[in-house]
């Protein structure tokens, strides 16, 4: 019997599906300005990729997305759709460029639609009806996880680690870095990502903010980059 037939919520195992490369959110189409960084010569090898990604995750959008996810999770646990809408509005407004707004909103709406189709829940239907077309990715993940009783700690770790792996995968396609080097980068970033996931529950929306200005500027420049494989 399916979950829809039994009414049973998925376990944390659902995260393997929701955050896998095969889940239909289109994550493969975005590089979060890594494509520009490689073109500009900022990412040229394993060490420079690790440094760039560490900053993105700890000082940039990774930390911000984790905070937004945690607050969307709280809204889901409380069944508070208006609170979810407020978190989502802030998430979308914080996108520094048009490309990065597209990156989070296209994935967020796709994620929400896919989970509703395969893991139906009345709360997700209510959220989809209440929210605007632009739904930030971490907001959708956090709310869905709460409604389906996936533990918050598990979803935070899994989401941040999946984002890291997605960025490494993008880098392998645009920079002179092999798969083994990329795997080493993922392994070395894992403790920092886990620590970040552990810190996020203590943070409030007032703690939102990033300090990755070169990446933001790179995203703007990517909009007019001559050759592009990615949408961001």
Protein backbone atom coordinates (compact mmCIF):
# COMPACT_ATOMS: atom_id res chain seq x y z
CA UNK A 1 0.00 0.00 0.00
CA UNK A 2 1.16 3.55 -0.65
CA UNK A 3 1.58 6.24 1.97
CA UNK A 4 -1.50 7.96 0.56
CA UNK A 5 -3.51 4.76 1.16
CA UNK A 6 -2.24 4.14 4.71
CA UNK A 7 -1.97 7.75 5.88
CA UNK A 8 1.44 6.98 7.41
CA UNK A 9 4.05 9.74 7.20
CA UNK A 10 7.39 9.01 5.55
CA UNK A 11 10.44 8.55 7.74
CA UNK A 12 13.71 10.42 7.37
CA UNK A 13 14.33 8.00 4.51
CA UNK A 14 12.18 10.34 2.41
CA UNK A 15 15.08 12.78 2.46
CA UNK A 16 17.07 10.43 0.22
CA UNK A 17 14.38 10.86 -2.42
CA UNK A 18 13.59 14.53 -1.85
CA UNK A 19 17.23 15.64 -1.96
CA UNK A 20 18.58 13.22 -4.53
CA UNK A 21 19.84 14.43 -7.94
CA UNK A 22 16.93 12.58 -9.53
CA UNK A 23 14.20 14.51 -7.70
CA UNK A 24 12.46 16.75 -10.27
CA UNK A 25 13.52 20.20 -9.08
CA UNK A 26 16.08 20.95 -11.81
CA UNK A 27 19.04 21.50 -9.46
CA UNK A 28 21.44 20.37 -12.21
CA UNK A 29 20.65 23.53 -14.18
CA UNK A 30 22.07 25.95 -11.60
CA UNK A 31 25.61 26.69 -10.40
CA UNK A 32 25.02 29.61 -8.00
CA UNK A 33 27.60 31.71 -9.88
CA UNK A 34 30.24 28.95 -9.89
CA UNK A 35 30.24 29.11 -13.67
CA UNK A 36 31.29 32.75 -13.55
CA UNK A 37 33.88 32.03 -10.84
CA UNK A 38 35.49 29.41 -13.05
CA UNK A 39 35.41 31.75 -16.06
CA UNK A 40 37.00 34.54 -14.00
CA UNK A 41 39.75 32.27 -12.70
CA UNK A 42 38.60 32.26 -9.08
CA UNK A 43 38.13 28.49 -9.17
CA UNK A 44 41.05 26.75 -10.84
CA UNK A 45 41.74 23.69 -8.70
CA UNK A 46 40.63 21.60 -5.75
CA UNK A 47 41.84 24.06 -3.12
CA UNK A 48 40.16 27.10 -4.66
CA UNK A 49 36.90 25.19 -5.09
CA UNK A 50 36.92 24.14 -1.45
CA UNK A 51 37.61 27.69 -0.28
CA UNK A 52 34.85 29.14 -2.48
CA UNK A 53 32.28 26.58 -1.34
CA UNK A 54 33.20 26.88 2.31
CA UNK A 55 32.48 30.61 2.15
CA UNK A 56 29.23 30.08 0.24
CA UNK A 57 27.97 27.60 2.83
CA UNK A 58 29.20 29.22 6.05
CA UNK A 59 29.08 32.92 5.18
CA UNK A 60 26.67 32.98 2.26
CA UNK A 61 23.44 31.48 1.05
CA UNK A 62 24.00 28.09 2.70
CA UNK A 63 23.71 29.55 6.19
CA UNK A 64 20.82 31.79 5.16
CA UNK A 65 18.92 28.93 3.54
CA UNK A 66 19.39 26.83 6.66
CA UNK A 67 17.88 29.57 8.84
CA UNK A 68 14.95 29.97 6.45
CA UNK A 69 14.40 26.21 6.36
CA UNK A 70 14.32 26.02 10.17
CA UNK A 71 11.70 28.77 10.41
CA UNK A 72 9.60 27.25 7.65
CA UNK A 73 9.82 23.97 9.59
CA UNK A 74 8.52 25.74 12.70
CA UNK A 75 5.61 27.13 10.69
CA UNK A 76 4.84 23.66 9.41
CA UNK A 77 5.00 22.13 12.88
CA UNK A 78 2.50 24.75 14.05
CA UNK A 79 0.34 24.49 10.93
CA UNK A 80 0.75 28.24 10.52
CA UNK A 81 0.41 29.10 6.83
CA UNK A 82 0.55 32.89 7.37
CA UNK A 83 3.88 32.48 9.21
CA UNK A 84 5.11 30.34 6.32
CA UNK A 85 4.12 33.08 3.88
CA UNK A 86 6.10 35.63 5.88
CA UNK A 87 9.22 33.46 5.89
CA UNK A 88 8.84 32.84 2.18
CA UNK A 89 8.42 36.54 1.39
CA UNK A 90 11.64 37.30 3.23
CA UNK A 91 13.45 34.44 1.50
CA UNK A 92 12.47 35.62 -1.97
CA UNK A 93 13.25 39.27 -1.16
CA UNK A 94 16.76 38.34 0.01
CA UNK A 95 17.73 36.91 -3.39
CA UNK A 96 20.50 39.28 -4.49
CA UNK A 97 20.08 38.82 -8.26
CA UNK A 98 17.47 37.80 -10.80
CA UNK A 99 19.30 34.55 -11.55
CA UNK A 100 19.58 33.55 -7.90
CA UNK A 101 15.92 34.37 -7.36
CA UNK A 102 15.07 32.09 -10.28
CA UNK A 103 17.34 29.40 -8.84
CA UNK A 104 15.61 29.23 -5.48
CA UNK A 105 12.05 29.89 -6.68
CA UNK A 106 12.01 27.45 -9.57
CA UNK A 107 13.38 24.68 -7.37
CA UNK A 108 11.07 25.57 -4.50
CA UNK A 109 7.87 25.49 -6.53
CA UNK A 110 8.98 22.30 -8.31
CA UNK A 111 9.79 20.67 -4.97
CA UNK A 112 6.42 21.61 -3.52
CA UNK A 113 4.56 20.26 -6.54
CA UNK A 114 6.55 17.00 -6.60
CA UNK A 115 6.05 16.27 -2.90
CA UNK A 116 2.35 17.05 -3.16
CA UNK A 117 2.05 14.58 -6.03
CA UNK A 118 3.93 11.71 -4.40
CA UNK A 119 3.56 12.41 -0.64
CA UNK A 120 0.16 14.13 -0.46
CA UNK A 121 -0.81 16.17 2.60
CA UNK A 122 -3.62 18.64 3.12
CA UNK A 123 -1.21 21.13 4.66
CA UNK A 124 0.86 21.17 1.49
CA UNK A 125 -2.24 21.83 -0.57
CA UNK A 126 -3.16 24.72 1.71
CA UNK A 127 0.35 26.15 1.45
CA UNK A 128 0.37 25.84 -2.33
CA UNK A 129 -2.92 27.71 -2.53
CA UNK A 130 -1.83 30.44 -0.12
CA UNK A 131 1.69 31.08 -1.38
CA UNK A 132 2.57 33.12 -4.48
CA UNK A 133 4.10 31.39 -7.51
CA UNK A 134 7.59 32.17 -6.19
CA UNK A 135 8.39 29.70 -3.40
CA UNK A 136 11.94 29.61 -2.04
CA UNK A 137 13.53 26.17 -2.09
CA UNK A 138 14.55 25.91 1.60
CA UNK A 139 11.12 27.16 2.64
CA UNK A 140 9.38 24.41 0.66
CA UNK A 141 11.72 21.74 2.02
CA UNK A 142 11.35 22.84 5.63
CA UNK A 143 7.57 23.06 5.52
CA UNK A 144 7.14 19.69 3.80
CA UNK A 145 9.52 18.00 6.24
CA UNK A 146 7.61 19.33 9.24
CA UNK A 147 4.23 18.28 7.88
CA UNK A 148 5.56 14.78 7.24
CA UNK A 149 7.23 14.57 10.67
CA UNK A 150 10.78 14.26 9.34
CA UNK A 151 13.08 15.30 12.22
CA UNK A 152 14.34 18.86 11.93
CA UNK A 153 17.96 17.97 12.70
CA UNK A 154 17.96 15.36 9.96
CA UNK A 155 16.48 17.64 7.32
CA UNK A 156 18.88 20.48 8.14
CA UNK A 157 21.95 18.27 7.80
CA UNK A 158 20.64 16.52 4.71
CA UNK A 159 19.60 19.73 2.96
CA UNK A 160 22.88 21.57 3.56
CA UNK A 161 24.93 18.56 2.56
CA UNK A 162 22.85 18.02 -0.60
CA UNK A 163 23.40 21.67 -1.57
CA UNK A 164 27.14 21.18 -1.10
CA UNK A 165 27.16 18.09 -3.27
CA UNK A 166 25.10 19.83 -5.96
CA UNK A 167 27.60 22.68 -6.12
CA UNK A 168 30.53 20.27 -6.35
CA UNK A 169 28.75 18.45 -9.16
CA UNK A 170 28.35 21.75 -11.02
CA UNK A 171 32.02 22.57 -10.50
CA UNK A 172 33.08 19.25 -12.01
CA UNK A 173 31.37 20.27 -15.25
CA UNK A 174 32.93 23.72 -15.55
CA UNK A 175 36.33 23.63 -13.83
CA UNK A 176 39.49 21.53 -14.29
CA UNK A 177 38.64 19.34 -11.30
CA UNK A 178 38.20 15.59 -11.43
CA UNK A 179 35.69 13.41 -9.62
CA UNK A 180 38.16 12.20 -7.01
CA UNK A 181 39.15 15.77 -6.18
CA UNK A 182 35.50 16.73 -5.97
CA UNK A 183 34.83 13.86 -3.59
CA UNK A 184 37.69 14.99 -1.37
CA UNK A 185 36.20 18.48 -1.27
CA UNK A 186 32.83 17.05 -0.22
CA UNK A 187 34.47 15.00 2.53
CA UNK A 188 36.46 17.93 3.90
CA UNK A 189 33.42 20.20 3.93
CA UNK A 190 31.23 17.66 5.72
CA UNK A 191 32.29 18.55 9.32
CA UNK A 192 31.73 22.27 8.70
CA UNK A 193 28.32 21.62 7.17
CA UNK A 194 27.33 19.41 10.10
CA UNK A 195 28.44 22.07 12.56
CA UNK A 196 26.44 24.70 10.68
CA UNK A 197 23.34 22.50 10.80
CA UNK A 198 23.81 22.16 14.55
CA UNK A 199 24.09 25.94 15.05
CA UNK A 200 21.10 26.96 12.95
CA UNK A 201 18.32 26.07 15.45
CA UNK A 202 19.71 28.75 17.79
CA UNK A 203 19.47 31.47 15.12
CA UNK A 204 16.57 33.81 14.39
CA UNK A 205 15.44 35.57 11.24
CA UNK A 206 17.34 38.61 12.53
CA UNK A 207 20.53 36.57 12.03
CA UNK A 208 19.95 36.39 8.28
CA UNK A 209 22.65 37.95 6.17
CA UNK A 210 25.50 37.02 3.87
CA UNK A 211 29.05 38.21 3.25
CA UNK A 212 29.84 36.64 -0.12
CA UNK A 213 29.82 39.80 -2.18
CA UNK A 214 32.05 38.50 -4.97
CA UNK A 215 29.69 35.60 -5.55
CA UNK A 216 26.73 38.00 -5.70
CA UNK A 217 28.55 40.23 -8.18
CA UNK A 218 29.55 37.15 -10.13
CA UNK A 219 25.91 36.18 -10.42
CA UNK A 220 25.14 39.59 -11.94
CA UNK A 221 27.98 39.21 -14.40
CA UNK A 222 26.87 35.70 -15.27
CA UNK A 223 23.66 37.15 -16.69
CA UNK A 224 25.66 38.52 -19.64
CA UNK A 225 28.43 35.92 -19.75
CA UNK A 226 29.22 34.96 -23.33
CA UNK A 227 29.07 31.18 -22.94
CA UNK A 228 26.90 29.53 -20.30
CA UNK A 229 25.96 25.99 -19.35
CA UNK A 230 23.93 26.95 -16.28
CA UNK A 231 20.99 29.22 -15.56
CA UNK A 232 22.82 30.87 -12.66
